[in-house]
Amino acid sequence: AVLRQQVDRMLADPKARAFTENFTGQ
């Protein structure tokens, strides 16, 4: 439950742009 909550929090953070930029960029 804590892990799911943290994933939701982190995806809502502007730093999550790094995931889409790096993954899709490659």
mmCIF file of all heavy atoms, coordinates in Angstrom:
data_MODEL
# 
_entry.id   MODEL 
# 
loop_
_atom_site.group_PDB 
_atom_site.id 
_atom_site.type_symbol 
_atom_site.label_atom_id 
_atom_site.label_alt_id 
_atom_site.label_comp_id 
_atom_site.label_asym_id 
_atom_site.label_entity_id 
_atom_site.label_seq_id 
_atom_site.pdbx_PDB_ins_code 
_atom_site.Cartn_x 
_atom_site.Cartn_y 
_atom_site.Cartn_z 
_atom_site.occupancy 
_atom_site.B_iso_or_equiv 
_atom_site.pdbx_formal_charge 
_atom_site.auth_seq_id 
_atom_site.auth_comp_id 
_atom_site.auth_asym_id 
_atom_site.auth_atom_id 
_atom_site.pdbx_PDB_model_num 
ATOM 1   N N   . ALA A 1 1  ? 0.834  -1.204 0.000   1.00 0.00 ? 1  ALA A N   1 
ATOM 2   C CA  . ALA A 1 1  ? 0.000  0.000  0.000   1.00 0.00 ? 1  ALA A CA  1 
ATOM 3   C C   . ALA A 1 1  ? 0.871  1.257  0.000   1.00 0.00 ? 1  ALA A C   1 
ATOM 4   O O   . ALA A 1 1  ? 0.583  2.227  -0.714  1.00 0.00 ? 1  ALA A O   1 
ATOM 5   C CB  . ALA A 1 1  ? -0.932 -0.007 1.213   1.00 0.00 ? 1  ALA A CB  1 
ATOM 6   N N   . VAL A 1 2  ? 1.940  1.228  0.793   1.00 0.00 ? 2  VAL A N   1 
ATOM 7   C CA  . VAL A 1 2  ? 2.846  2.375  0.845   1.00 0.00 ? 2  VAL A CA  1 
ATOM 8   C C   . VAL A 1 2  ? 3.552  2.547  -0.494  1.00 0.00 ? 2  VAL A C   1 
ATOM 9   O O   . VAL A 1 2  ? 3.708  3.664  -0.998  1.00 0.00 ? 2  VAL A O   1 
ATOM 10  C CB  . VAL A 1 2  ? 3.871  2.200  1.975   1.00 0.00 ? 2  VAL A CB  1 
ATOM 11  C CG1 . VAL A 1 2  ? 4.926  3.304  1.932   1.00 0.00 ? 2  VAL A CG1 1 
ATOM 12  C CG2 . VAL A 1 2  ? 3.176  2.180  3.330   1.00 0.00 ? 2  VAL A CG2 1 
ATOM 13  N N   . LEU A 1 3  ? 3.966  1.432  -1.088  1.00 0.00 ? 3  LEU A N   1 
ATOM 14  C CA  . LEU A 1 3  ? 4.662  1.497  -2.366  1.00 0.00 ? 3  LEU A CA  1 
ATOM 15  C C   . LEU A 1 3  ? 3.767  2.095  -3.446  1.00 0.00 ? 3  LEU A C   1 
ATOM 16  O O   . LEU A 1 3  ? 4.202  2.952  -4.238  1.00 0.00 ? 3  LEU A O   1 
ATOM 17  C CB  . LEU A 1 3  ? 5.127  0.095  -2.764  1.00 0.00 ? 3  LEU A CB  1 
ATOM 18  C CG  . LEU A 1 3  ? 6.188  -0.016 -3.859  1.00 0.00 ? 3  LEU A CG  1 
ATOM 19  C CD1 . LEU A 1 3  ? 7.443  0.739  -3.482  1.00 0.00 ? 3  LEU A CD1 1 
ATOM 20  C CD2 . LEU A 1 3  ? 6.500  -1.476 -4.130  1.00 0.00 ? 3  LEU A CD2 1 
ATOM 21  N N   . ARG A 1 4  ? 2.512  1.668  -3.502  1.00 0.00 ? 4  ARG A N   1 
ATOM 22  C CA  . ARG A 1 4  ? 1.579  2.230  -4.483  1.00 0.00 ? 4  ARG A CA  1 
ATOM 23  C C   . ARG A 1 4  ? 1.388  3.725  -4.258  1.00 0.00 ? 4  ARG A C   1 
ATOM 24  O O   . ARG A 1 4  ? 1.343  4.511  -5.219  1.00 0.00 ? 4  ARG A O   1 
ATOM 25  C CB  . ARG A 1 4  ? 0.238  1.500  -4.405  1.00 0.00 ? 4  ARG A CB  1 
ATOM 26  C CG  . ARG A 1 4  ? 0.229  0.124  -5.047  1.00 0.00 ? 4  ARG A CG  1 
ATOM 27  C CD  . ARG A 1 4  ? -1.185 -0.382 -5.226  1.00 0.00 ? 4  ARG A CD  1 
ATOM 28  N NE  . ARG A 1 4  ? -1.836 -0.599 -3.945  1.00 0.00 ? 4  ARG A NE  1 
ATOM 29  C CZ  . ARG A 1 4  ? -1.798 -1.736 -3.267  1.00 0.00 ? 4  ARG A CZ  1 
ATOM 30  N NH1 . ARG A 1 4  ? -1.127 -2.766 -3.773  1.00 0.00 ? 4  ARG A NH1 1 
ATOM 31  N NH2 . ARG A 1 4  ? -2.422 -1.861 -2.121  1.00 0.00 ? 4  ARG A NH2 1 
ATOM 32  N N   . GLN A 1 5  ? 1.266  4.115  -2.987  1.00 0.00 ? 5  GLN A N   1 
ATOM 33  C CA  . GLN A 1 5  ? 1.088  5.527  -2.676  1.00 0.00 ? 5  GLN A CA  1 
ATOM 34  C C   . GLN A 1 5  ? 2.287  6.352  -3.126  1.00 0.00 ? 5  GLN A C   1 
ATOM 35  O O   . GLN A 1 5  ? 2.143  7.454  -3.663  1.00 0.00 ? 5  GLN A O   1 
ATOM 36  C CB  . GLN A 1 5  ? 0.851  5.700  -1.168  1.00 0.00 ? 5  GLN A CB  1 
ATOM 37  C CG  . GLN A 1 5  ? 0.530  7.114  -0.733  1.00 0.00 ? 5  GLN A CG  1 
ATOM 38  C CD  . GLN A 1 5  ? 1.773  7.942  -0.395  1.00 0.00 ? 5  GLN A CD  1 
ATOM 39  O OE1 . GLN A 1 5  ? 2.784  7.386  0.012   1.00 0.00 ? 5  GLN A OE1 1 
ATOM 40  N NE2 . GLN A 1 5  ? 1.677  9.247  -0.571  1.00 0.00 ? 5  GLN A NE2 1 
ATOM 41  N N   . GLN A 1 6  ? 3.476  5.801  -2.926  1.00 0.00 ? 6  GLN A N   1 
ATOM 42  C CA  . GLN A 1 6  ? 4.686  6.513  -3.327  1.00 0.00 ? 6  GLN A CA  1 
ATOM 43  C C   . GLN A 1 6  ? 4.811  6.614  -4.840  1.00 0.00 ? 6  GLN A C   1 
ATOM 44  O O   . GLN A 1 6  ? 5.255  7.637  -5.369  1.00 0.00 ? 6  GLN A O   1 
ATOM 45  C CB  . GLN A 1 6  ? 5.918  5.837  -2.727  1.00 0.00 ? 6  GLN A CB  1 
ATOM 46  C CG  . GLN A 1 6  ? 6.060  6.022  -1.238  1.00 0.00 ? 6  GLN A CG  1 
ATOM 47  C CD  . GLN A 1 6  ? 6.110  7.490  -0.850  1.00 0.00 ? 6  GLN A CD  1 
ATOM 48  O OE1 . GLN A 1 6  ? 6.943  8.244  -1.323  1.00 0.00 ? 6  GLN A OE1 1 
ATOM 49  N NE2 . GLN A 1 6  ? 5.185  7.897  0.016   1.00 0.00 ? 6  GLN A NE2 1 
ATOM 50  N N   . VAL A 1 7  ? 4.420  5.569  -5.548  1.00 0.00 ? 7  VAL A N   1 
ATOM 51  C CA  . VAL A 1 7  ? 4.457  5.626  -7.011  1.00 0.00 ? 7  VAL A CA  1 
ATOM 52  C C   . VAL A 1 7  ? 3.529  6.721  -7.518  1.00 0.00 ? 7  VAL A C   1 
ATOM 53  O O   . VAL A 1 7  ? 3.892  7.512  -8.402  1.00 0.00 ? 7  VAL A O   1 
ATOM 54  C CB  . VAL A 1 7  ? 4.082  4.256  -7.617  1.00 0.00 ? 7  VAL A CB  1 
ATOM 55  C CG1 . VAL A 1 7  ? 3.859  4.381  -9.126  1.00 0.00 ? 7  VAL A CG1 1 
ATOM 56  C CG2 . VAL A 1 7  ? 5.174  3.230  -7.337  1.00 0.00 ? 7  VAL A CG2 1 
ATOM 57  N N   . ASP A 1 8  ? 2.325  6.787  -6.964  1.00 0.00 ? 8  ASP A N   1 
ATOM 58  C CA  . ASP A 1 8  ? 1.387  7.836  -7.369  1.00 0.00 ? 8  ASP A CA  1 
ATOM 59  C C   . ASP A 1 8  ? 1.963  9.221  -7.070  1.00 0.00 ? 8  ASP A C   1 
ATOM 60  O O   . ASP A 1 8  ? 1.864  10.144 -7.892  1.00 0.00 ? 8  ASP A O   1 
ATOM 61  C CB  . ASP A 1 8  ? 0.054  7.666  -6.634  1.00 0.00 ? 8  ASP A CB  1 
ATOM 62  C CG  . ASP A 1 8  ? -0.722 6.447  -7.114  1.00 0.00 ? 8  ASP A CG  1 
ATOM 63  O OD1 . ASP A 1 8  ? -0.433 5.973  -8.225  1.00 0.00 ? 8  ASP A OD1 1 
ATOM 64  O OD2 . ASP A 1 8  ? -1.604 5.976  -6.381  1.00 0.00 ? 8  ASP A OD2 1 
ATOM 65  N N   . ARG A 1 9  ? 2.554  9.373  -5.901  1.00 0.00 ? 9  ARG A N   1 
ATOM 66  C CA  . ARG A 1 9  ? 3.147  10.664 -5.525  1.00 0.00 ? 9  ARG A CA  1 
ATOM 67  C C   . ARG A 1 9  ? 4.279  11.034 -6.471  1.00 0.00 ? 9  ARG A C   1 
ATOM 68  O O   . ARG A 1 9  ? 4.381  12.189 -6.917  1.00 0.00 ? 9  ARG A O   1 
ATOM 69  C CB  . ARG A 1 9  ? 3.673  10.590 -4.093  1.00 0.00 ? 9  ARG A CB  1 
ATOM 70  C CG  . ARG A 1 9  ? 4.360  11.870 -3.621  1.00 0.00 ? 9  ARG A CG  1 
ATOM 71  C CD  . ARG A 1 9  ? 4.965  11.705 -2.238  1.00 0.00 ? 9  ARG A CD  1 
ATOM 72  N NE  . ARG A 1 9  ? 6.110  10.826 -2.211  1.00 0.00 ? 9  ARG A NE  1 
ATOM 73  C CZ  . ARG A 1 9  ? 7.363  11.215 -2.485  1.00 0.00 ? 9  ARG A CZ  1 
ATOM 74  N NH1 . ARG A 1 9  ? 7.603  12.477 -2.825  1.00 0.00 ? 9  ARG A NH1 1 
ATOM 75  N NH2 . ARG A 1 9  ? 8.359  10.347 -2.433  1.00 0.00 ? 9  ARG A NH2 1 
ATOM 76  N N   . MET A 1 10 ? 5.135  10.079 -6.769  1.00 0.00 ? 10 MET A N   1 
ATOM 77  C CA  . MET A 1 10 ? 6.293  10.371 -7.601  1.00 0.00 ? 10 MET A CA  1 
ATOM 78  C C   . MET A 1 10 ? 5.896  10.677 -9.040  1.00 0.00 ? 10 MET A C   1 
ATOM 79  O O   . MET A 1 10 ? 6.506  11.525 -9.700  1.00 0.00 ? 10 MET A O   1 
ATOM 80  C CB  . MET A 1 10 ? 7.267  9.201  -7.545  1.00 0.00 ? 10 MET A CB  1 
ATOM 81  C CG  . MET A 1 10 ? 7.861  8.972  -6.155  1.00 0.00 ? 10 MET A CG  1 
ATOM 82  S SD  . MET A 1 10 ? 8.858  7.480  -6.047  1.00 0.00 ? 10 MET A SD  1 
ATOM 83  C CE  . MET A 1 10 ? 10.277 7.968  -7.036  1.00 0.00 ? 10 MET A CE  1 
ATOM 84  N N   . LEU A 1 11 ? 4.879  9.994  -9.556  1.00 0.00 ? 11 LEU A N   1 
ATOM 85  C CA  . LEU A 1 11 ? 4.434  10.269 -10.922 1.00 0.00 ? 11 LEU A CA  1 
ATOM 86  C C   . LEU A 1 11 ? 3.797  11.646 -11.040 1.00 0.00 ? 11 LEU A C   1 
ATOM 87  O O   . LEU A 1 11 ? 3.783  12.241 -12.122 1.00 0.00 ? 11 LEU A O   1 
ATOM 88  C CB  . LEU A 1 11 ? 3.445  9.192  -11.376 1.00 0.00 ? 11 LEU A CB  1 
ATOM 89  C CG  . LEU A 1 11 ? 4.049  7.821  -11.659 1.00 0.00 ? 11 LEU A CG  1 
ATOM 90  C CD1 . LEU A 1 11 ? 2.959  6.810  -11.979 1.00 0.00 ? 11 LEU A CD1 1 
ATOM 91  C CD2 . LEU A 1 11 ? 5.051  7.890  -12.814 1.00 0.00 ? 11 LEU A CD2 1 
ATOM 92  N N   . ALA A 1 12 ? 3.266  12.150 -9.927  1.00 0.00 ? 12 ALA A N   1 
ATOM 93  C CA  . ALA A 1 12 ? 2.668  13.488 -9.936  1.00 0.00 ? 12 ALA A CA  1 
ATOM 94  C C   . ALA A 1 12 ? 3.718  14.583 -9.793  1.00 0.00 ? 12 ALA A C   1 
ATOM 95  O O   . ALA A 1 12 ? 3.413  15.765 -9.998  1.00 0.00 ? 12 ALA A O   1 
ATOM 96  C CB  . ALA A 1 12 ? 1.636  13.611 -8.818  1.00 0.00 ? 12 ALA A CB  1 
ATOM 97  N N   . ASP A 1 13 ? 4.934  14.211 -9.452  1.00 0.00 ? 13 ASP A N   1 
ATOM 98  C CA  . ASP A 1 13 ? 6.009  15.172 -9.280  1.00 0.00 ? 13 ASP A CA  1 
ATOM 99  C C   . ASP A 1 13 ? 6.581  15.579 -10.641 1.00 0.00 ? 13 ASP A C   1 
ATOM 100 O O   . ASP A 1 13 ? 6.695  14.743 -11.546 1.00 0.00 ? 13 ASP A O   1 
ATOM 101 C CB  . ASP A 1 13 ? 7.114  14.551 -8.411  1.00 0.00 ? 13 ASP A CB  1 
ATOM 102 C CG  . ASP A 1 13 ? 8.138  15.568 -7.961  1.00 0.00 ? 13 ASP A CG  1 
ATOM 103 O OD1 . ASP A 1 13 ? 8.953  16.008 -8.806  1.00 0.00 ? 13 ASP A OD1 1 
ATOM 104 O OD2 . ASP A 1 13 ? 8.151  15.917 -6.767  1.00 0.00 ? 13 ASP A OD2 1 
ATOM 105 N N   . PRO A 1 14 ? 6.944  16.849 -10.824 1.00 0.00 ? 14 PRO A N   1 
ATOM 106 C CA  . PRO A 1 14 ? 7.536  17.272 -12.109 1.00 0.00 ? 14 PRO A CA  1 
ATOM 107 C C   . PRO A 1 14 ? 8.773  16.467 -12.497 1.00 0.00 ? 14 PRO A C   1 
ATOM 108 O O   . PRO A 1 14 ? 9.083  16.355 -13.686 1.00 0.00 ? 14 PRO A O   1 
ATOM 109 C CB  . PRO A 1 14 ? 7.894  18.744 -11.851 1.00 0.00 ? 14 PRO A CB  1 
ATOM 110 C CG  . PRO A 1 14 ? 6.934  19.190 -10.792 1.00 0.00 ? 14 PRO A CG  1 
ATOM 111 C CD  . PRO A 1 14 ? 6.727  17.992 -9.911  1.00 0.00 ? 14 PRO A CD  1 
ATOM 112 N N   . LYS A 1 15 ? 9.467  15.892 -11.517 1.00 0.00 ? 15 LYS A N   1 
ATOM 113 C CA  . LYS A 1 15 ? 10.661 15.112 -11.860 1.00 0.00 ? 15 LYS A CA  1 
ATOM 114 C C   . LYS A 1 15 ? 10.327 13.856 -12.646 1.00 0.00 ? 15 LYS A C   1 
ATOM 115 O O   . LYS A 1 15 ? 11.210 13.236 -13.253 1.00 0.00 ? 15 LYS A O   1 
ATOM 116 C CB  . LYS A 1 15 ? 11.426 14.743 -10.586 1.00 0.00 ? 15 LYS A CB  1 
ATOM 117 C CG  . LYS A 1 15 ? 12.159 15.904 -9.956  1.00 0.00 ? 15 LYS A CG  1 
ATOM 118 C CD  . LYS A 1 15 ? 13.103 15.471 -8.849  1.00 0.00 ? 15 LYS A CD  1 
ATOM 119 C CE  . LYS A 1 15 ? 12.380 14.997 -7.612  1.00 0.00 ? 15 LYS A CE  1 
ATOM 120 N NZ  . LYS A 1 15 ? 13.299 14.741 -6.492  1.00 0.00 ? 15 LYS A NZ  1 
ATOM 121 N N   . ALA A 1 16 ? 9.033  13.454 -12.647 1.00 0.00 ? 16 ALA A N   1 
ATOM 122 C CA  . ALA A 1 16 ? 8.631  12.274 -13.413 1.00 0.00 ? 16 ALA A CA  1 
ATOM 123 C C   . ALA A 1 16 ? 8.765  12.495 -14.911 1.00 0.00 ? 16 ALA A C   1 
ATOM 124 O O   . ALA A 1 16 ? 8.727  11.533 -15.683 1.00 0.00 ? 16 ALA A O   1 
ATOM 125 C CB  . ALA A 1 16 ? 7.197  11.876 -13.057 1.00 0.00 ? 16 ALA A CB  1 
ATOM 126 N N   . ARG A 1 17 ? 8.925  13.754 -15.328 1.00 0.00 ? 17 ARG A N   1 
ATOM 127 C CA  . ARG A 1 17 ? 9.181  14.021 -16.750 1.00 0.00 ? 17 ARG A CA  1 
ATOM 128 C C   . ARG A 1 17 ? 10.417 13.277 -17.230 1.00 0.00 ? 17 ARG A C   1 
ATOM 129 O O   . ARG A 1 17 ? 10.524 12.913 -18.402 1.00 0.00 ? 17 ARG A O   1 
ATOM 130 C CB  . ARG A 1 17 ? 9.370  15.515 -16.995 1.00 0.00 ? 17 ARG A CB  1 
ATOM 131 C CG  . ARG A 1 17 ? 8.100  16.340 -16.887 1.00 0.00 ? 17 ARG A CG  1 
ATOM 132 C CD  . ARG A 1 17 ? 8.408  17.816 -17.118 1.00 0.00 ? 17 ARG A CD  1 
ATOM 133 N NE  . ARG A 1 17 ? 9.041  18.019 -18.418 1.00 0.00 ? 17 ARG A NE  1 
ATOM 134 C CZ  . ARG A 1 17 ? 8.382  18.248 -19.532 1.00 0.00 ? 17 ARG A CZ  1 
ATOM 135 N NH1 . ARG A 1 17 ? 7.062  18.293 -19.505 1.00 0.00 ? 17 ARG A NH1 1 
ATOM 136 N NH2 . ARG A 1 17 ? 9.027  18.435 -20.668 1.00 0.00 ? 17 ARG A NH2 1 
ATOM 137 N N   . ALA A 1 18 ? 11.358 13.051 -16.318 1.00 0.00 ? 18 ALA A N   1 
ATOM 138 C CA  . ALA A 1 18 ? 12.589 12.359 -16.704 1.00 0.00 ? 18 ALA A CA  1 
ATOM 139 C C   . ALA A 1 18 ? 12.296 10.967 -17.238 1.00 0.00 ? 18 ALA A C   1 
ATOM 140 O O   . ALA A 1 18 ? 12.974 10.485 -18.149 1.00 0.00 ? 18 ALA A O   1 
ATOM 141 C CB  . ALA A 1 18 ? 13.542 12.277 -15.514 1.00 0.00 ? 18 ALA A CB  1 
ATOM 142 N N   . PHE A 1 19 ? 11.284 10.309 -16.668 1.00 0.00 ? 19 PHE A N   1 
ATOM 143 C CA  . PHE A 1 19 ? 10.963 8.956  -17.129 1.00 0.00 ? 19 PHE A CA  1 
ATOM 144 C C   . PHE A 1 19 ? 10.477 8.973  -18.571 1.00 0.00 ? 19 PHE A C   1 
ATOM 145 O O   . PHE A 1 19 ? 10.974 8.226  -19.417 1.00 0.00 ? 19 PHE A O   1 
ATOM 146 C CB  . PHE A 1 19 ? 9.906  8.329  -16.224 1.00 0.00 ? 19 PHE A CB  1 
ATOM 147 C CG  . PHE A 1 19 ? 9.376  7.012  -16.749 1.00 0.00 ? 19 PHE A CG  1 
ATOM 148 C CD1 . PHE A 1 19 ? 10.152 5.870  -16.668 1.00 0.00 ? 19 PHE A CD1 1 
ATOM 149 C CD2 . PHE A 1 19 ? 8.129  6.936  -17.335 1.00 0.00 ? 19 PHE A CD2 1 
ATOM 150 C CE1 . PHE A 1 19 ? 9.682  4.659  -17.162 1.00 0.00 ? 19 PHE A CE1 1 
ATOM 151 C CE2 . PHE A 1 19 ? 7.652  5.735  -17.832 1.00 0.00 ? 19 PHE A CE2 1 
ATOM 152 C CZ  . PHE A 1 19 ? 8.429  4.591  -17.747 1.00 0.00 ? 19 PHE A CZ  1 
ATOM 153 N N   . THR A 1 20 ? 9.502  9.840  -18.856 1.00 0.00 ? 20 THR A N   1 
ATOM 154 C CA  . THR A 1 20 ? 8.974  9.864  -20.218 1.00 0.00 ? 20 THR A CA  1 
ATOM 155 C C   . THR A 1 20 ? 10.011 10.377 -21.207 1.00 0.00 ? 20 THR A C   1 
ATOM 156 O O   . THR A 1 20 ? 10.133 9.863  -22.323 1.00 0.00 ? 20 THR A O   1 
ATOM 157 C CB  . THR A 1 20 ? 7.710  10.737 -20.287 1.00 0.00 ? 20 THR A CB  1 
ATOM 158 O OG1 . THR A 1 20 ? 7.993  12.019 -19.713 1.00 0.00 ? 20 THR A OG1 1 
ATOM 159 C CG2 . THR A 1 20 ? 6.572  10.102 -19.522 1.00 0.00 ? 20 THR A CG2 1 
ATOM 160 N N   . GLU A 1 21 ? 10.773 11.389 -20.797 1.00 0.00 ? 21 GLU A N   1 
ATOM 161 C CA  . GLU A 1 21 ? 11.776 11.940 -21.711 1.00 0.00 ? 21 GLU A CA  1 
ATOM 162 C C   . GLU A 1 21 ? 12.870 10.927 -22.010 1.00 0.00 ? 21 GLU A C   1 
ATOM 163 O O   . GLU A 1 21 ? 13.263 10.741 -23.169 1.00 0.00 ? 21 GLU A O   1 
ATOM 164 C CB  . GLU A 1 21 ? 12.374 13.213 -21.124 1.00 0.00 ? 21 GLU A CB  1 
ATOM 165 C CG  . GLU A 1 21 ? 11.405 14.386 -21.099 1.00 0.00 ? 21 GLU A CG  1 
ATOM 166 C CD  . GLU A 1 21 ? 11.973 15.592 -20.377 1.00 0.00 ? 21 GLU A CD  1 
ATOM 167 O OE1 . GLU A 1 21 ? 13.065 15.458 -19.787 1.00 0.00 ? 21 GLU A OE1 1 
ATOM 168 O OE2 . GLU A 1 21 ? 11.328 16.654 -20.388 1.00 0.00 ? 21 GLU A OE2 1 
ATOM 169 N N   . ASN A 1 22 ? 13.376 10.257 -20.972 1.00 0.00 ? 22 ASN A N   1 
ATOM 170 C CA  . ASN A 1 22 ? 14.480 9.327  -21.183 1.00 0.00 ? 22 ASN A CA  1 
ATOM 171 C C   . ASN A 1 22 ? 14.021 8.033  -21.837 1.00 0.00 ? 22 ASN A C   1 
ATOM 172 O O   . ASN A 1 22 ? 14.665 7.530  -22.761 1.00 0.00 ? 22 ASN A O   1 
ATOM 173 C CB  . ASN A 1 22 ? 15.171 9.008  -19.858 1.00 0.00 ? 22 ASN A CB  1 
ATOM 174 C CG  . ASN A 1 22 ? 15.850 10.221 -19.261 1.00 0.00 ? 22 ASN A CG  1 
ATOM 175 O OD1 . ASN A 1 22 ? 16.335 11.075 -19.983 1.00 0.00 ? 22 ASN A OD1 1 
ATOM 176 N ND2 . ASN A 1 22 ? 15.876 10.307 -17.947 1.00 0.00 ? 22 ASN A ND2 1 
ATOM 177 N N   . PHE A 1 23 ? 12.909 7.494  -21.367 1.00 0.00 ? 23 PHE A N   1 
ATOM 178 C CA  . PHE A 1 23 ? 12.463 6.213  -21.919 1.00 0.00 ? 23 PHE A CA  1 
ATOM 179 C C   . PHE A 1 23 ? 11.974 6.370  -23.356 1.00 0.00 ? 23 PHE A C   1 
ATOM 180 O O   . PHE A 1 23 ? 12.462 5.693  -24.264 1.00 0.00 ? 23 PHE A O   1 
ATOM 181 C CB  . PHE A 1 23 ? 11.366 5.610  -21.046 1.00 0.00 ? 23 PHE A CB  1 
ATOM 182 C CG  . PHE A 1 23 ? 10.802 4.330  -21.610 1.00 0.00 ? 23 PHE A CG  1 
ATOM 183 C CD1 . PHE A 1 23 ? 11.558 3.166  -21.582 1.00 0.00 ? 23 PHE A CD1 1 
ATOM 184 C CD2 . PHE A 1 23 ? 9.547  4.300  -22.187 1.00 0.00 ? 23 PHE A CD2 1 
ATOM 185 C CE1 . PHE A 1 23 ? 11.062 1.989  -22.118 1.00 0.00 ? 23 PHE A CE1 1 
ATOM 186 C CE2 . PHE A 1 23 ? 9.044  3.126  -22.723 1.00 0.00 ? 23 PHE A CE2 1 
ATOM 187 C CZ  . PHE A 1 23 ? 9.800  1.966  -22.688 1.00 0.00 ? 23 PHE A CZ  1 
ATOM 188 N N   . THR A 1 24 ? 11.007 7.260  -23.572 1.00 0.00 ? 24 THR A N   1 
ATOM 189 C CA  . THR A 1 24 ? 10.489 7.397  -24.928 1.00 0.00 ? 24 THR A CA  1 
ATOM 190 C C   . THR A 1 24 ? 11.526 8.015  -25.861 1.00 0.00 ? 24 THR A C   1 
ATOM 191 O O   . THR A 1 24 ? 11.548 7.716  -27.053 1.00 0.00 ? 24 THR A O   1 
ATOM 192 C CB  . THR A 1 24 ? 9.211  8.258  -24.946 1.00 0.00 ? 24 THR A CB  1 
ATOM 193 O OG1 . THR A 1 24 ? 9.504  9.552  -24.408 1.00 0.00 ? 24 THR A OG1 1 
ATOM 194 C CG2 . THR A 1 24 ? 8.116  7.612  -24.118 1.00 0.00 ? 24 THR A CG2 1 
ATOM 195 N N   . GLY A 1 25 ? 12.381 8.877  -25.305 1.00 0.00 ? 25 GLY A N   1 
ATOM 196 C CA  . GLY A 1 25 ? 13.417 9.468  -26.138 1.00 0.00 ? 25 GLY A CA  1 
ATOM 197 C C   . GLY A 1 25 ? 14.344 8.434  -26.736 1.00 0.00 ? 25 GLY A C   1 
ATOM 198 O O   . GLY A 1 25 ? 14.833 8.598  -27.862 1.00 0.00 ? 25 GLY A O   1 
ATOM 199 N N   . GLN A 1 26 ? 14.574 7.356  -25.987 1.00 0.00 ? 26 GLN A N   1 
ATOM 200 C CA  . GLN A 1 26 ? 15.422 6.280  -26.495 1.00 0.00 ? 26 GLN A CA  1 
ATOM 201 C C   . GLN A 1 26 ? 14.605 5.232  -27.245 1.00 0.00 ? 26 GLN A C   1 
ATOM 202 O O   . GLN A 1 26 ? 15.002 4.759  -28.303 1.00 0.00 ? 26 GLN A O   1 
ATOM 203 C CB  . GLN A 1 26 ? 16.177 5.644  -25.324 1.00 0.00 ? 26 GLN A CB  1 
ATOM 204 C CG  . GLN A 1 26 ? 17.118 6.617  -24.638 1.00 0.00 ? 26 GLN A CG  1 
ATOM 205 C CD  . GLN A 1 26 ? 17.817 5.994  -23.457 1.00 0.00 ? 26 GLN A CD  1 
ATOM 206 O OE1 . GLN A 1 26 ? 18.807 5.283  -23.609 1.00 0.00 ? 26 GLN A OE1 1 
ATOM 207 N NE2 . GLN A 1 26 ? 17.294 6.254  -22.263 1.00 0.00 ? 26 GLN A NE2 1 
# 
